Amino acid sequence: MPRIKRWFPVSHDINRDPDIRVMLRQCGERSLRVWLEILSIADRNDGLVPGASEGLVTALSGASEASPRTVRAMLDYGLTHLWLVSDPCLRVAKYAIYHKTRETNQIPRGTTTASLPSEPSEPSEPSFPKKGMEPEVSVKEFVESWNEVFADRLPCVELPLSKSRTLKLKLRLQEHPKLIFWEQVFANIGQSPLLLGQNNGAKHPNWKCTLDFLIANDTNCLKIAEGNYV
C-alpha cells in the first residue's frame, strides 16, 4: 500500500503560470481542481495515476466536483503539453523533479562521452560558478526527468554522468536556474519533429536531439526554449 501523505508539492507560482491560465481558458475553471487531484493521486502512487480511462474520469470528476467533460479536456491538455505520460499507465511526467530527495549530487569521475561533430565544445572550468540563484533542479533530477519524459523517443542517459557532462549541465542550470525554463524546453522538444528525429534531411537522416546537444553551449537550450525548432 503506498504511503499516504498529508501534503504534496505545488509551485508557488501556480496561479501565475501561463500554461495553467491557458488550461483554465481551454478546459474550464474547475480544471485546476482536477489537476490538483491528479497530483494528489500521483503523490500517493510514486508518480502514477492508476485506473481505467472511464473509471479514472469518474473518480476525478467526483473528487474535484468537475464535469466529466472538464476532466477529459484537462487530461487531453496534460497529455498534449507533456504534463502527463501514458505508457501504458498514466503518470505525472515531472514527478521526479518536484519530489526532490536529500541526496547530495557529486561530480563523478568518468570518461567523457563523444558528442556530435557539429556541437561546439566549451572550455572546462575548475569549478561550478557560485554566482546567481541556486538551480531549482539538480543534475540527477534533470537526467531522471529527461529519461522519463523522452523514454522511447530520444536517447536515454545513464547515471552517473561523466565529469565533463556534469560540468556542462551544471553550467546550463546555473545560467537558467528556474524550473519553468526547462519545462518550456522539454515541452518544445516534445513538439518538434526535427528534435525528435522525425523530420531530418538526407545530410543528417538519423540526427535527433540528445542531452549532449542540449547542454553543449549556452545557446542551444535557449534557442529551443524560444521555439526555434518547433
Protein backbone atom coordinates (compact mmCIF):
# COMPACT_ATOMS: atom_id res chain seq x y z
CA MET A 1 0.00 0.00 0.00
CA PRO A 2 1.54 3.36 -0.99
CA ARG A 3 2.23 5.65 1.94
CA ILE A 4 -0.30 8.45 2.47
CA LYS A 5 0.99 11.98 2.86
CA ARG A 6 -0.98 14.98 4.03
CA TRP A 7 0.64 17.32 1.50
CA PHE A 8 2.27 17.32 -1.89
CA PRO A 9 4.48 19.91 -3.64
CA VAL A 10 2.82 22.57 -5.79
CA SER A 11 4.56 25.52 -7.44
CA HIS A 12 4.30 28.84 -5.61
CA ASP A 13 3.52 30.42 -8.98
CA ILE A 14 0.71 28.07 -9.97
CA ASN A 15 -1.83 30.90 -10.31
CA ARG A 16 0.61 32.93 -12.42
CA ASP A 17 1.78 30.04 -14.60
CA PRO A 18 0.91 30.93 -18.23
CA ASP A 19 0.26 27.25 -19.08
CA ILE A 20 -2.18 26.99 -16.17
CA ARG A 21 -4.00 30.08 -17.39
CA VAL A 22 -4.27 28.62 -20.89
CA MET A 23 -5.59 25.39 -19.38
CA LEU A 24 -8.24 27.29 -17.43
CA ARG A 25 -9.37 29.10 -20.57
CA GLN A 26 -9.49 25.95 -22.67
CA CYS A 27 -10.75 23.42 -20.14
CA GLY A 28 -12.77 25.45 -17.64
CA GLU A 29 -12.19 26.97 -14.21
CA ARG A 30 -12.54 23.63 -12.40
CA SER A 31 -9.74 22.07 -14.46
CA LEU A 32 -7.23 23.32 -11.87
CA ARG A 33 -9.05 21.29 -9.21
CA VAL A 34 -8.78 18.27 -11.50
CA TRP A 35 -5.03 18.84 -11.94
CA LEU A 36 -4.51 19.17 -8.18
CA GLU A 37 -6.41 15.93 -7.63
CA ILE A 38 -4.19 14.21 -10.22
CA LEU A 39 -1.09 15.47 -8.38
CA SER A 40 -2.55 14.21 -5.10
CA ILE A 41 -3.18 10.74 -6.55
CA ALA A 42 0.30 10.66 -8.12
CA ASP A 43 1.86 11.57 -4.77
CA ARG A 44 0.27 8.50 -3.19
CA ASN A 45 1.47 6.23 -6.01
CA ASP A 46 5.03 7.37 -6.74
CA GLY A 47 4.04 9.38 -9.80
CA LEU A 48 1.43 7.01 -11.23
CA VAL A 49 -2.26 7.81 -11.74
CA PRO A 50 -3.79 4.34 -11.84
CA GLY A 51 -7.22 3.43 -13.16
CA ALA A 52 -9.01 2.58 -16.37
CA SER A 53 -9.91 5.51 -18.61
CA GLU A 54 -13.61 5.97 -17.80
CA GLY A 55 -13.19 4.88 -14.19
CA LEU A 56 -10.47 7.47 -13.71
CA VAL A 57 -12.61 10.16 -15.32
CA THR A 58 -15.47 9.29 -12.94
CA ALA A 59 -13.17 9.32 -9.90
CA LEU A 60 -11.56 12.62 -10.83
CA SER A 61 -14.95 14.16 -11.61
CA GLY A 62 -16.33 13.21 -8.20
CA ALA A 63 -13.29 14.28 -6.20
CA SER A 64 -12.89 17.66 -7.93
CA GLU A 65 -16.62 18.35 -8.45
CA ALA A 66 -15.94 18.91 -12.14
CA SER A 67 -17.90 17.59 -15.08
CA PRO A 68 -16.57 14.54 -16.96
CA ARG A 69 -16.19 16.82 -19.97
CA THR A 70 -13.88 19.12 -17.98
CA VAL A 71 -11.89 16.13 -16.71
CA ARG A 72 -11.40 14.72 -20.22
CA ALA A 73 -10.39 18.15 -21.53
CA MET A 74 -7.85 18.54 -18.71
CA LEU A 75 -6.42 15.05 -19.32
CA ASP A 76 -6.07 15.79 -23.05
CA TYR A 77 -4.38 19.10 -22.22
CA GLY A 78 -1.98 17.39 -19.82
CA LEU A 79 -1.02 14.72 -22.35
CA THR A 80 -0.61 17.25 -25.17
CA HIS A 81 1.63 19.51 -23.08
CA LEU A 82 3.64 16.59 -21.63
CA TRP A 83 2.44 17.12 -18.07
CA LEU A 84 1.16 13.57 -18.25
CA VAL A 85 2.53 10.49 -19.98
CA SER A 86 0.60 7.32 -20.81
CA ASP A 87 2.83 4.23 -21.17
CA PRO A 88 0.50 2.43 -20.58
CA CYS A 89 -0.47 3.65 -17.11
CA LEU A 90 -1.00 7.37 -16.71
CA ARG A 91 1.77 9.14 -14.79
CA VAL A 92 2.93 12.66 -13.99
CA ALA A 93 5.90 13.39 -16.25
CA LYS A 94 7.73 15.79 -13.92
CA TYR A 95 7.07 13.83 -10.73
CA ALA A 96 10.78 13.19 -10.07
CA ILE A 97 11.63 16.88 -10.36
CA TYR A 98 9.02 18.07 -7.88
CA HIS A 99 9.73 15.29 -5.40
CA LYS A 100 13.32 16.13 -4.54
CA THR A 101 15.40 13.96 -2.26
CA ARG A 102 18.05 14.96 0.23
CA GLU A 103 20.67 13.08 -1.76
CA THR A 104 23.79 15.11 -2.43
CA ASN A 105 24.89 15.19 -6.05
CA GLN A 106 28.62 14.77 -6.58
CA ILE A 107 30.63 15.27 -9.74
CA PRO A 108 31.63 11.67 -10.59
CA ARG A 109 34.86 10.62 -12.27
CA GLY A 110 34.49 9.01 -15.67
CA THR A 111 35.26 9.08 -19.34
CA THR A 112 33.98 11.93 -21.46
CA THR A 113 31.32 10.83 -23.93
CA ALA A 114 31.90 11.93 -27.52
CA SER A 115 29.40 14.45 -28.88
CA LEU A 116 28.15 15.17 -32.38
CA PRO A 117 30.83 16.76 -34.58
CA SER A 118 28.61 19.82 -35.09
CA GLU A 119 28.39 20.57 -31.39
CA PRO A 120 30.85 23.28 -30.28
CA SER A 121 32.94 22.35 -27.31
CA GLU A 122 33.08 24.51 -24.22
CA PRO A 123 36.27 25.09 -22.21
CA SER A 124 36.35 23.16 -18.98
CA GLU A 125 36.33 25.24 -15.80
CA PRO A 126 37.86 24.35 -12.49
CA SER A 127 34.67 24.67 -10.50
CA PHE A 128 30.96 25.35 -10.71
CA PRO A 129 30.18 29.11 -10.63
CA LYS A 130 28.84 30.37 -7.32
CA LYS A 131 27.10 33.50 -8.59
CA GLY A 132 23.37 33.79 -9.22
CA MET A 133 20.40 31.82 -7.99
CA GLU A 134 20.59 28.26 -6.81
CA PRO A 135 19.13 25.99 -9.53
CA GLU A 136 15.67 24.61 -8.71
CA VAL A 137 16.58 21.19 -10.12
CA SER A 138 19.67 19.06 -9.54
CA VAL A 139 21.76 17.25 -12.13
CA LYS A 140 20.37 13.88 -11.06
CA GLU A 141 16.77 15.10 -11.14
CA PHE A 142 17.28 16.69 -14.55
CA VAL A 143 18.65 13.48 -16.06
CA GLU A 144 15.92 11.36 -14.47
CA SER A 145 13.29 13.71 -15.87
CA TRP A 146 14.91 13.60 -19.34
CA ASN A 147 14.83 9.80 -19.33
CA GLU A 148 11.23 9.74 -18.10
CA VAL A 149 9.76 12.36 -20.42
CA PHE A 150 11.56 11.23 -23.58
CA ALA A 151 11.59 7.47 -22.97
CA ASP A 152 11.48 5.58 -26.30
CA ARG A 153 11.71 8.88 -28.21
CA LEU A 154 15.21 10.19 -27.52
CA PRO A 155 18.43 8.55 -26.32
CA CYS A 156 18.36 7.88 -22.60
CA VAL A 157 21.25 9.00 -20.42
CA GLU A 158 22.99 6.80 -17.88
CA LEU A 159 23.88 7.97 -14.40
CA PRO A 160 26.32 8.87 -13.06
CA LEU A 161 27.34 11.39 -15.71
CA SER A 162 30.94 11.88 -16.71
CA LYS A 163 32.78 14.83 -15.21
CA SER A 164 32.56 16.78 -18.48
CA ARG A 165 28.83 16.20 -18.89
CA THR A 166 28.16 17.08 -15.26
CA LEU A 167 30.07 20.34 -15.55
CA LYS A 168 28.23 21.38 -18.72
CA LEU A 169 24.82 20.53 -17.27
CA LYS A 170 25.61 22.41 -14.07
CA LEU A 171 26.63 25.43 -16.13
CA ARG A 172 23.35 25.34 -18.04
CA LEU A 173 21.36 25.01 -14.80
CA GLN A 174 23.26 27.94 -13.32
CA GLU A 175 22.50 30.04 -16.41
CA HIS A 176 18.82 29.10 -16.27
CA PRO A 177 18.04 28.21 -12.63
CA LYS A 178 14.23 28.43 -12.87
CA LEU A 179 12.39 25.16 -13.37
CA ILE A 180 9.80 26.82 -15.61
CA PHE A 181 12.52 27.49 -18.23
CA TRP A 182 13.39 23.79 -18.51
CA GLU A 183 9.73 22.80 -18.57
CA GLN A 184 9.38 25.01 -21.64
CA VAL A 185 12.49 23.45 -23.19
CA PHE A 186 11.17 19.93 -22.63
CA ALA A 187 7.73 20.88 -23.97
CA ASN A 188 9.22 22.40 -27.13
CA ILE A 189 11.43 19.36 -27.72
CA GLY A 190 8.39 17.12 -27.42
CA GLN A 191 6.55 19.18 -30.05
CA SER A 192 9.43 19.39 -32.55
CA PRO A 193 9.58 16.73 -35.31
CA LEU A 194 13.13 17.92 -36.06
CA LEU A 195 14.40 17.50 -32.49
CA LEU A 196 12.64 14.14 -32.20
CA GLY A 197 14.37 12.93 -35.37
CA GLN A 198 11.17 12.73 -37.40
CA ASN A 199 11.88 15.42 -39.98
CA ASN A 200 15.56 15.37 -40.94
CA GLY A 201 17.13 15.83 -44.36
CA ALA A 202 19.38 13.49 -46.30
CA LYS A 203 22.52 15.07 -44.84
CA HIS A 204 21.69 14.02 -41.26
CA PRO A 205 18.92 11.39 -41.59
CA ASN A 206 19.41 9.88 -38.14
CA TRP A 207 20.03 13.02 -36.11
CA LYS A 208 17.88 13.84 -33.12
CA CYS A 209 18.26 15.98 -30.03
CA THR A 210 20.45 14.49 -27.31
CA LEU A 211 21.36 15.66 -23.84
CA ASP A 212 24.82 16.47 -25.18
CA PHE A 213 23.35 18.73 -27.86
CA LEU A 214 21.10 20.44 -25.31
CA ILE A 215 23.91 21.28 -22.88
CA ALA A 216 26.79 21.71 -25.36
CA ASN A 217 26.82 25.51 -25.16
CA ASP A 218 24.88 28.48 -23.82
CA THR A 219 22.67 28.90 -26.90
CA ASN A 220 21.18 25.51 -27.86
CA CYS A 221 18.79 25.28 -24.92
CA LEU A 222 17.88 28.95 -25.27
CA LYS A 223 17.00 28.53 -28.94
CA ILE A 224 14.82 25.55 -28.08
CA ALA A 225 13.06 27.50 -25.32
CA GLU A 226 12.42 30.34 -27.77
CA GLY A 227 10.75 27.93 -30.19
CA ASN A 228 13.31 27.99 -32.98
CA TYR A 229 12.88 24.27 -33.69
CA VAL A 230 9.13 23.89 -33.15
